[in-house]
Protein backbone atom coordinates (compact mmCIF):
# COMPACT_ATOMS: atom_id res chain seq x y z
CA THR A 1 72.69 142.35 -11.39
CA ASP A 2 74.47 140.68 -14.26
CA ILE A 3 78.13 141.08 -14.35
CA ARG A 4 79.97 141.05 -17.67
CA GLN A 5 83.78 141.08 -17.76
CA GLN A 6 85.72 143.24 -20.18
CA SER A 7 89.51 143.56 -20.51
CA LEU A 8 90.22 147.23 -20.58
CA GLY A 9 93.23 149.31 -19.54
CA VAL A 10 92.66 151.94 -16.95
CA SER A 11 92.28 154.79 -19.37
CA GLU A 12 89.92 152.85 -21.51
CA SER A 13 87.87 151.96 -18.31
CA VAL A 14 87.69 155.46 -17.30
CA ASP A 15 86.37 156.52 -20.67
CA ALA A 16 83.88 153.69 -20.61
CA LEU A 17 82.65 154.78 -17.10
CA LYS A 18 82.33 158.34 -18.29
CA ASP A 19 80.30 157.21 -21.20
CA ASP A 20 77.97 155.01 -19.00
CA LYS A 21 79.19 151.70 -20.71
CA ILE A 22 80.55 150.09 -17.66
CA ASP A 23 79.55 150.49 -13.90
CA ALA A 24 82.85 149.67 -12.30
CA PHE A 25 86.38 148.58 -12.91
CA PHE A 26 89.49 147.08 -11.27
CA TRP A 27 92.90 148.45 -11.75
CA SER A 28 96.38 148.10 -10.28
CA GLY A 29 98.70 151.12 -10.40
CA GLY A 30 100.58 153.63 -8.34
CA ILE A 31 98.50 156.22 -6.50
CA PRO A 32 97.40 158.60 -7.67
CA THR A 33 96.63 157.15 -11.01
CA GLY A 34 96.33 159.78 -13.63
CA ALA A 35 93.28 158.30 -15.44
CA VAL A 36 91.50 157.88 -12.17
CA LEU A 37 92.35 161.50 -11.08
CA ASP A 38 90.95 162.58 -14.38
CA LEU A 39 87.70 160.70 -13.58
CA ALA A 40 87.50 161.91 -10.00
CA SER A 41 87.90 165.45 -11.39
CA THR A 42 85.22 165.14 -13.93
CA PRO A 43 82.14 167.43 -13.06
CA GLY A 44 79.07 165.36 -12.02
CA ARG A 45 81.21 162.22 -11.22
CA THR A 46 82.19 160.94 -7.64
CA VAL A 47 84.66 158.36 -7.32
CA LYS A 48 84.03 155.63 -4.82
CA LEU A 49 86.71 153.18 -3.91
CA ILE A 50 85.54 149.85 -2.67
CA SER A 51 87.42 148.47 0.35
CA ASN A 52 88.11 144.71 -0.49
CA THR A 53 90.57 143.54 2.01
CA ASP A 54 88.11 141.00 3.41
CA THR A 55 89.27 138.71 0.55
CA LEU A 56 92.90 138.57 1.57
CA PRO A 57 92.75 135.63 3.59
CA VAL A 58 91.54 133.57 0.56
CA LEU A 59 94.26 135.22 -1.62
CA PHE A 60 96.90 134.24 1.04
CA GLU A 61 95.62 130.65 1.13
CA GLN A 62 95.72 130.33 -2.74
CA HIS A 63 98.83 132.36 -3.47
CA GLY A 64 100.79 132.79 -0.20
CA ASP A 65 101.52 136.14 1.45
CA ALA A 66 104.26 137.41 -0.88
CA VAL A 67 102.09 138.85 -3.58
CA TYR A 68 99.01 140.47 -2.04
CA HIS A 69 98.97 142.93 0.86
CA SER A 70 96.60 145.47 2.42
CA VAL A 71 97.08 149.15 1.28
CA THR A 72 95.21 152.05 2.55
CA ILE A 73 94.42 154.93 -0.02
CA PRO A 74 93.91 158.10 1.89
CA SER A 75 90.71 160.02 1.26
CA ILE A 76 92.91 163.05 -0.04
CA THR A 77 94.14 160.93 -3.00
CA TYR A 78 91.23 161.71 -5.24
CA PRO A 79 88.74 164.45 -5.26
CA GLY A 80 85.39 163.61 -3.71
CA MET A 81 86.72 160.63 -1.74
CA ALA A 82 84.64 160.52 1.50
CA ALA A 83 86.85 158.12 3.45
CA ASP A 84 90.08 156.19 3.25
CA ALA A 85 89.81 152.92 1.39
CA ASP A 86 91.57 149.71 2.43
CA VAL A 87 92.33 147.78 -0.78
CA ILE A 88 94.44 144.82 -2.00
CA GLY A 89 97.80 145.95 -3.16
CA VAL A 90 100.47 144.18 -5.27
CA ALA A 91 104.10 145.13 -5.49
CA ASN A 92 105.55 146.59 -8.74
CA VAL A 93 108.08 144.42 -10.47
CA LEU A 94 110.51 145.02 -13.19
CA VAL A 95 110.57 142.09 -15.46
CA ALA A 96 113.59 141.25 -17.73
CA HIS A 97 113.99 138.48 -20.35
CA GLU A 98 116.09 135.66 -19.16
CA SER A 99 118.76 136.36 -21.72
CA MET A 100 119.40 139.89 -20.39
CA SER A 101 123.16 140.01 -19.32
CA GLU A 102 123.92 139.93 -15.68
CA GLU A 103 125.82 143.24 -16.07
CA LEU A 104 122.87 145.16 -17.82
CA ALA A 105 120.50 143.85 -15.12
CA TYR A 106 123.04 145.02 -12.42
CA GLN A 107 123.35 148.54 -14.14
CA ILE A 108 119.44 148.80 -14.43
CA THR A 109 118.97 147.95 -10.71
CA GLN A 110 121.72 150.28 -9.65
CA ALA A 111 120.36 153.07 -11.79
CA LEU A 112 116.89 152.77 -9.89
CA PHE A 113 118.46 153.34 -6.56
CA GLU A 114 121.09 155.94 -7.77
CA HIS A 115 118.50 158.02 -9.48
CA HIS A 116 115.78 157.29 -6.94
CA GLY A 117 114.96 161.02 -6.56
CA GLN A 118 114.48 161.54 -10.23
CA LEU A 119 112.07 158.54 -10.25
CA ALA A 120 110.12 160.04 -7.32
CA ALA A 121 109.91 163.43 -9.02
CA VAL A 122 108.02 161.49 -11.89
CA HIS A 123 105.66 159.69 -9.67
CA ALA A 124 105.24 159.89 -6.00
CA GLU A 125 104.87 156.10 -5.49
CA ALA A 126 108.58 155.79 -6.40
CA ALA A 127 109.42 157.52 -3.27
CA LYS A 128 108.34 154.38 -1.35
CA LEU A 129 110.95 152.20 -3.11
CA THR A 130 113.71 151.08 -0.70
CA LEU A 131 116.30 148.37 -0.79
CA GLU A 132 114.48 146.56 1.81
CA SER A 133 111.08 146.66 0.03
CA ALA A 134 112.65 145.86 -3.30
CA VAL A 135 113.75 142.43 -2.33
CA LEU A 136 110.31 141.29 -0.92
CA GLY A 137 107.07 140.20 -2.66
CA SER A 138 108.11 138.49 -5.82
CA THR A 139 107.07 135.01 -6.87
CA VAL A 140 109.43 135.00 -9.77
CA PRO A 141 113.12 134.50 -9.49
CA PHE A 142 115.43 137.59 -9.33
CA HIS A 143 117.86 138.27 -12.11
CA GLU A 144 121.39 137.46 -11.00
CA GLY A 145 122.38 141.04 -11.82
CA ALA A 146 119.89 142.47 -9.44
CA ILE A 147 120.84 139.92 -6.79
CA ARG A 148 124.47 141.03 -7.10
CA TYR A 149 123.49 144.64 -6.66
CA TYR A 150 121.47 143.86 -3.80
CA ARG A 151 124.14 141.79 -2.04
CA GLU A 152 126.70 144.64 -2.44
CA GLN A 153 124.07 146.92 -0.63
CA ASN A 154 123.68 144.26 2.09
CA ALA A 155 119.97 144.21 1.34
CA TRP A 156 119.77 140.53 -0.12
CA PRO A 157 118.07 138.22 2.50
CA GLY A 158 120.59 136.06 4.28
CA ASN A 159 123.46 138.26 3.15
């Protein structure tokens, strides 16, 4: 019943679980996550995702509602899942150093949307990226170059 925290990446966590060094782990990433898919495909192993959205009200109270949200991971995502799992999700963010030029930040943001299909071909979660979703859920300020792109696309709030 003792809980001992370790700081491991998702691949390290999967390896530790396979080696019976840990009993469970938390991770945040797009679904499906390759390492978790590997674990779920391991003979003799069954992945059980634990629904945890009952803690959302506490997180909203502590951090507001811009960061955390409810996500349903469908049971078809990983082999052996018996049911959908309602879990806490967070938005992906692209972080840049404050010294990055406005023009470069603009070009990177533009490339994300002009090459959206290529990104989605690499990982299915990228298909969910929209101009509308991109401007939501950040607790850190947006770069002026990104704001310029979103304004040009009429996606920036209050535009």
